[in-house]
Amino acid sequence: MTRDEWVAEGERRFGPDQMKWRFVCPACGHVATAEDYKRAGASSSVVAFSCIGRWLVRSRDAFGTGPGPCNYAGGGLIGLNPLDVDGHRYFDFATTEAAR
């Protein structure tokens, strides 16, 4: 997928405000928006790349049990990020119905 295709899909699902776009962690299934990452103090470069749990006081292990968010890092040894956007791996968009 190209960046333009990715942007078009995000806008189709969630509208033009990218801060409202929702992504699902491939390790724990937690859904977060870019706005959620910003509120957690994470850099914009990690949105849809690592789980938001890495920036929260309480999170679970990525390959443990229990509800998310988790500490999954997209750049780690086990790369689960399913979406290739111009050679970079990202989380899938969440469904528009996904609960937060």
N, C-alpha and C. Protein backbone atom coordinates (compact mmCIF):
# COMPACT_ATOMS: atom_id res chain seq x y z
N MET A 1 0.85 -1.17 0.00
CA MET A 1 0.00 0.00 0.00
C MET A 1 0.90 1.24 0.00
N THR A 2 0.51 2.22 -0.78
CA THR A 2 1.26 3.47 -0.78
C THR A 2 0.75 4.38 0.33
N ARG A 3 1.53 5.39 0.66
CA ARG A 3 1.09 6.34 1.69
C ARG A 3 -0.21 7.02 1.27
N ASP A 4 -0.34 7.38 0.00
CA ASP A 4 -1.57 8.01 -0.48
C ASP A 4 -2.78 7.08 -0.31
N GLU A 5 -2.59 5.80 -0.60
CA GLU A 5 -3.68 4.83 -0.42
C GLU A 5 -4.04 4.70 1.06
N TRP A 6 -3.01 4.71 1.92
CA TRP A 6 -3.23 4.59 3.36
C TRP A 6 -4.01 5.80 3.89
N VAL A 7 -3.62 6.99 3.44
CA VAL A 7 -4.32 8.21 3.85
C VAL A 7 -5.76 8.17 3.36
N ALA A 8 -5.97 7.77 2.13
CA ALA A 8 -7.33 7.68 1.58
C ALA A 8 -8.19 6.70 2.39
N GLU A 9 -7.61 5.58 2.78
CA GLU A 9 -8.37 4.60 3.58
C GLU A 9 -8.68 5.14 4.96
N GLY A 10 -7.71 5.81 5.59
CA GLY A 10 -7.96 6.41 6.90
C GLY A 10 -9.06 7.46 6.84
N GLU A 11 -9.03 8.29 5.82
CA GLU A 11 -10.07 9.32 5.66
C GLU A 11 -11.43 8.70 5.37
N ARG A 12 -11.45 7.62 4.60
CA ARG A 12 -12.72 6.94 4.30
C ARG A 12 -13.35 6.39 5.57
N ARG A 13 -12.51 5.83 6.43
CA ARG A 13 -13.02 5.21 7.66
C ARG A 13 -13.35 6.21 8.76
N PHE A 14 -12.47 7.20 8.94
CA PHE A 14 -12.56 8.04 10.14
C PHE A 14 -12.65 9.54 9.88
N GLY A 15 -12.55 9.98 8.64
CA GLY A 15 -12.58 11.40 8.33
C GLY A 15 -11.18 11.98 8.20
N PRO A 16 -11.08 13.26 7.89
CA PRO A 16 -9.79 13.88 7.58
C PRO A 16 -8.89 14.16 8.79
N ASP A 17 -9.43 14.18 10.00
CA ASP A 17 -8.63 14.47 11.19
C ASP A 17 -7.87 13.22 11.61
N GLN A 18 -6.58 13.15 11.26
CA GLN A 18 -5.78 11.96 11.54
C GLN A 18 -5.64 11.68 13.03
N MET A 19 -5.84 12.67 13.87
CA MET A 19 -5.79 12.44 15.32
C MET A 19 -6.93 11.55 15.79
N LYS A 20 -7.98 11.43 15.00
CA LYS A 20 -9.15 10.61 15.34
C LYS A 20 -9.09 9.20 14.74
N TRP A 21 -8.10 8.95 13.89
CA TRP A 21 -7.98 7.63 13.28
C TRP A 21 -7.67 6.60 14.35
N ARG A 22 -8.23 5.41 14.19
CA ARG A 22 -8.10 4.35 15.20
C ARG A 22 -7.31 3.17 14.66
N PHE A 23 -6.41 2.66 15.50
CA PHE A 23 -5.54 1.56 15.12
C PHE A 23 -5.63 0.46 16.18
N VAL A 24 -5.45 -0.78 15.73
CA VAL A 24 -5.56 -1.91 16.64
C VAL A 24 -4.20 -2.60 16.79
N CYS A 25 -3.77 -2.78 18.03
CA CYS A 25 -2.50 -3.45 18.33
C CYS A 25 -2.61 -4.92 17.91
N PRO A 26 -1.65 -5.43 17.14
CA PRO A 26 -1.72 -6.81 16.70
C PRO A 26 -1.40 -7.81 17.82
N ALA A 27 -0.84 -7.35 18.92
CA ALA A 27 -0.51 -8.26 20.02
C ALA A 27 -1.65 -8.40 21.03
N CYS A 28 -2.30 -7.29 21.39
CA CYS A 28 -3.32 -7.35 22.45
C CYS A 28 -4.72 -6.96 21.98
N GLY A 29 -4.84 -6.37 20.80
CA GLY A 29 -6.14 -5.98 20.28
C GLY A 29 -6.66 -4.64 20.79
N HIS A 30 -5.86 -3.94 21.58
CA HIS A 30 -6.28 -2.64 22.10
C HIS A 30 -6.40 -1.64 20.95
N VAL A 31 -7.44 -0.85 20.97
CA VAL A 31 -7.67 0.18 19.95
C VAL A 31 -7.33 1.54 20.54
N ALA A 32 -6.53 2.31 19.79
CA ALA A 32 -6.15 3.65 20.24
C ALA A 32 -6.10 4.60 19.05
N THR A 33 -6.34 5.86 19.33
CA THR A 33 -6.24 6.90 18.31
C THR A 33 -4.88 7.60 18.43
N ALA A 34 -4.52 8.35 17.41
CA ALA A 34 -3.31 9.16 17.47
C ALA A 34 -3.41 10.15 18.63
N GLU A 35 -4.61 10.63 18.88
CA GLU A 35 -4.85 11.55 19.99
C GLU A 35 -4.54 10.87 21.34
N ASP A 36 -4.89 9.59 21.46
CA ASP A 36 -4.59 8.84 22.68
C ASP A 36 -3.08 8.76 22.91
N TYR A 37 -2.33 8.49 21.84
CA TYR A 37 -0.87 8.43 21.96
C TYR A 37 -0.32 9.78 22.42
N LYS A 38 -0.81 10.86 21.84
CA LYS A 38 -0.35 12.20 22.20
C LYS A 38 -0.61 12.47 23.68
N ARG A 39 -1.83 12.14 24.14
CA ARG A 39 -2.16 12.34 25.57
C ARG A 39 -1.26 11.51 26.48
N ALA A 40 -0.81 10.35 26.00
CA ALA A 40 0.06 9.49 26.81
C ALA A 40 1.51 9.96 26.80
N GLY A 41 1.82 10.96 25.97
CA GLY A 41 3.17 11.50 25.91
C GLY A 41 4.07 10.79 24.91
N ALA A 42 3.50 9.99 24.04
CA ALA A 42 4.28 9.27 23.04
C ALA A 42 4.57 10.17 21.84
N SER A 43 5.67 9.91 21.18
CA SER A 43 6.04 10.62 19.97
C SER A 43 5.10 10.21 18.83
N SER A 44 4.87 11.12 17.91
CA SER A 44 4.00 10.80 16.77
C SER A 44 4.59 9.67 15.92
N SER A 45 5.89 9.43 16.01
CA SER A 45 6.52 8.39 15.21
C SER A 45 6.17 6.97 15.66
N VAL A 46 5.58 6.81 16.82
CA VAL A 46 5.23 5.47 17.30
C VAL A 46 3.75 5.13 17.14
N VAL A 47 2.96 6.08 16.69
CA VAL A 47 1.52 5.84 16.49
C VAL A 47 1.36 4.73 15.45
N ALA A 48 0.58 3.71 15.80
CA ALA A 48 0.31 2.57 14.92
C ALA A 48 1.56 1.75 14.62
N PHE A 49 2.59 1.89 15.45
CA PHE A 49 3.81 1.10 15.29
C PHE A 49 4.09 0.27 16.54
N SER A 50 3.90 0.86 17.72
CA SER A 50 4.03 0.18 19.00
C SER A 50 2.77 0.43 19.80
N CYS A 51 2.41 -0.49 20.69
CA CYS A 51 1.18 -0.33 21.47
C CYS A 51 1.31 0.86 22.43
N ILE A 52 0.22 1.54 22.60
CA ILE A 52 0.18 2.70 23.50
C ILE A 52 0.53 2.31 24.94
N GLY A 53 0.37 1.06 25.28
CA GLY A 53 0.70 0.60 26.63
C GLY A 53 2.14 0.87 27.03
N ARG A 54 3.03 1.02 26.07
CA ARG A 54 4.44 1.32 26.37
C ARG A 54 4.58 2.70 27.03
N TRP A 55 3.59 3.56 26.89
CA TRP A 55 3.66 4.91 27.46
C TRP A 55 2.69 5.11 28.61
N LEU A 56 2.06 4.05 29.05
CA LEU A 56 1.13 4.15 30.16
C LEU A 56 1.74 3.53 31.41
N VAL A 57 1.32 4.00 32.56
CA VAL A 57 1.84 3.49 33.82
C VAL A 57 1.51 2.01 33.99
N ARG A 58 0.32 1.63 33.57
CA ARG A 58 -0.10 0.24 33.72
C ARG A 58 -0.35 -0.37 32.34
N SER A 59 0.33 -1.46 32.07
CA SER A 59 0.10 -2.21 30.84
C SER A 59 0.50 -3.65 31.12
N ARG A 60 0.14 -4.52 30.20
CA ARG A 60 0.48 -5.92 30.39
C ARG A 60 1.58 -6.31 29.42
N ASP A 61 2.17 -7.49 29.63
CA ASP A 61 3.15 -7.99 28.69
C ASP A 61 2.48 -8.29 27.36
N ALA A 62 3.17 -8.02 26.28
CA ALA A 62 2.60 -8.20 24.95
C ALA A 62 2.14 -9.63 24.70
N PHE A 63 2.83 -10.59 25.24
CA PHE A 63 2.46 -11.98 24.97
C PHE A 63 1.94 -12.66 26.22
N GLY A 64 1.43 -11.85 27.15
CA GLY A 64 0.80 -12.37 28.36
C GLY A 64 -0.69 -12.50 28.15
N THR A 65 -1.39 -12.55 29.25
CA THR A 65 -2.84 -12.65 29.17
C THR A 65 -3.48 -11.46 29.86
N GLY A 66 -4.75 -11.29 29.63
CA GLY A 66 -5.48 -10.18 30.22
C GLY A 66 -5.76 -9.11 29.19
N PRO A 67 -6.52 -8.11 29.60
CA PRO A 67 -6.87 -7.05 28.66
C PRO A 67 -5.68 -6.14 28.35
N GLY A 68 -5.71 -5.52 27.19
CA GLY A 68 -4.67 -4.58 26.80
C GLY A 68 -4.87 -3.27 27.50
N PRO A 69 -4.12 -2.27 27.25
CA PRO A 69 -3.03 -2.25 26.30
C PRO A 69 -1.79 -2.98 26.83
N CYS A 70 -0.84 -3.21 25.93
CA CYS A 70 0.33 -3.99 26.31
C CYS A 70 1.61 -3.22 26.00
N ASN A 71 2.74 -3.88 26.17
CA ASN A 71 4.03 -3.23 25.94
C ASN A 71 4.68 -3.65 24.62
N TYR A 72 3.87 -4.06 23.64
CA TYR A 72 4.39 -4.50 22.34
C TYR A 72 5.14 -3.37 21.63
N ALA A 73 6.31 -3.69 21.10
CA ALA A 73 7.11 -2.74 20.32
C ALA A 73 7.21 -3.23 18.88
N GLY A 74 6.76 -2.43 17.95
CA GLY A 74 6.78 -2.82 16.55
C GLY A 74 8.17 -3.06 16.00
N GLY A 75 9.17 -2.48 16.59
CA GLY A 75 10.53 -2.64 16.11
C GLY A 75 11.28 -3.76 16.80
N GLY A 76 10.59 -4.57 17.59
CA GLY A 76 11.23 -5.65 18.33
C GLY A 76 11.55 -6.85 17.47
N LEU A 77 12.01 -7.90 18.11
CA LEU A 77 12.42 -9.12 17.43
C LEU A 77 11.26 -9.79 16.70
N ILE A 78 10.09 -9.78 17.30
CA ILE A 78 8.92 -10.42 16.70
C ILE A 78 8.04 -9.32 16.10
N GLY A 79 8.10 -9.15 14.81
CA GLY A 79 7.34 -8.10 14.13
C GLY A 79 5.97 -8.58 13.72
N LEU A 80 4.94 -8.07 14.37
CA LEU A 80 3.57 -8.47 14.07
C LEU A 80 2.81 -7.45 13.23
N ASN A 81 3.37 -6.27 13.07
CA ASN A 81 2.65 -5.21 12.36
C ASN A 81 2.29 -5.69 10.96
N PRO A 82 0.99 -5.82 10.68
CA PRO A 82 0.55 -6.45 9.45
C PRO A 82 0.52 -5.58 8.20
N LEU A 83 0.53 -4.27 8.36
CA LEU A 83 0.30 -3.39 7.22
C LEU A 83 1.61 -2.78 6.72
N ASP A 84 1.89 -2.96 5.44
CA ASP A 84 3.07 -2.39 4.81
C ASP A 84 2.66 -1.13 4.06
N VAL A 85 3.19 0.01 4.50
CA VAL A 85 2.93 1.29 3.85
C VAL A 85 4.27 1.82 3.34
N ASP A 86 4.47 1.72 2.04
CA ASP A 86 5.73 2.16 1.42
C ASP A 86 6.95 1.59 2.14
N GLY A 87 6.91 0.32 2.48
CA GLY A 87 8.06 -0.35 3.09
C GLY A 87 8.17 -0.23 4.60
N HIS A 88 7.22 0.42 5.24
CA HIS A 88 7.22 0.54 6.71
C HIS A 88 6.02 -0.24 7.25
N ARG A 89 6.21 -0.92 8.38
CA ARG A 89 5.17 -1.77 8.95
C ARG A 89 4.37 -1.02 10.02
N TYR A 90 3.05 -1.12 9.93
CA TYR A 90 2.14 -0.44 10.86
C TYR A 90 1.01 -1.36 11.30
N PHE A 91 0.28 -0.92 12.32
CA PHE A 91 -0.93 -1.60 12.77
C PHE A 91 -2.01 -1.43 11.71
N ASP A 92 -2.96 -2.34 11.71
CA ASP A 92 -4.15 -2.19 10.88
C ASP A 92 -5.02 -1.08 11.46
N PHE A 93 -5.83 -0.50 10.60
CA PHE A 93 -6.89 0.39 11.09
C PHE A 93 -7.86 -0.46 11.88
N ALA A 94 -8.43 0.11 12.91
CA ALA A 94 -9.50 -0.56 13.65
C ALA A 94 -10.77 -0.48 12.80
N THR A 95 -11.69 -1.36 13.08
CA THR A 95 -12.98 -1.23 12.41
C THR A 95 -13.64 0.02 12.96
N THR A 96 -14.51 0.61 12.21
CA THR A 96 -15.17 1.83 12.67
C THR A 96 -16.07 1.56 13.86
N GLU A 97 -16.45 0.29 14.06
CA GLU A 97 -17.34 -0.07 15.17
C GLU A 97 -16.56 -0.44 16.44
N ALA A 98 -15.21 -0.56 16.34
CA ALA A 98 -14.42 -1.06 17.46
C ALA A 98 -14.61 -0.20 18.71
N ALA A 99 -14.85 -0.88 19.82
CA ALA A 99 -15.02 -0.18 21.10
C ALA A 99 -13.65 0.29 21.59
N ARG A 100 -13.66 1.37 22.30
CA ARG A 100 -12.40 1.89 22.85
C ARG A 100 -12.29 1.51 24.29
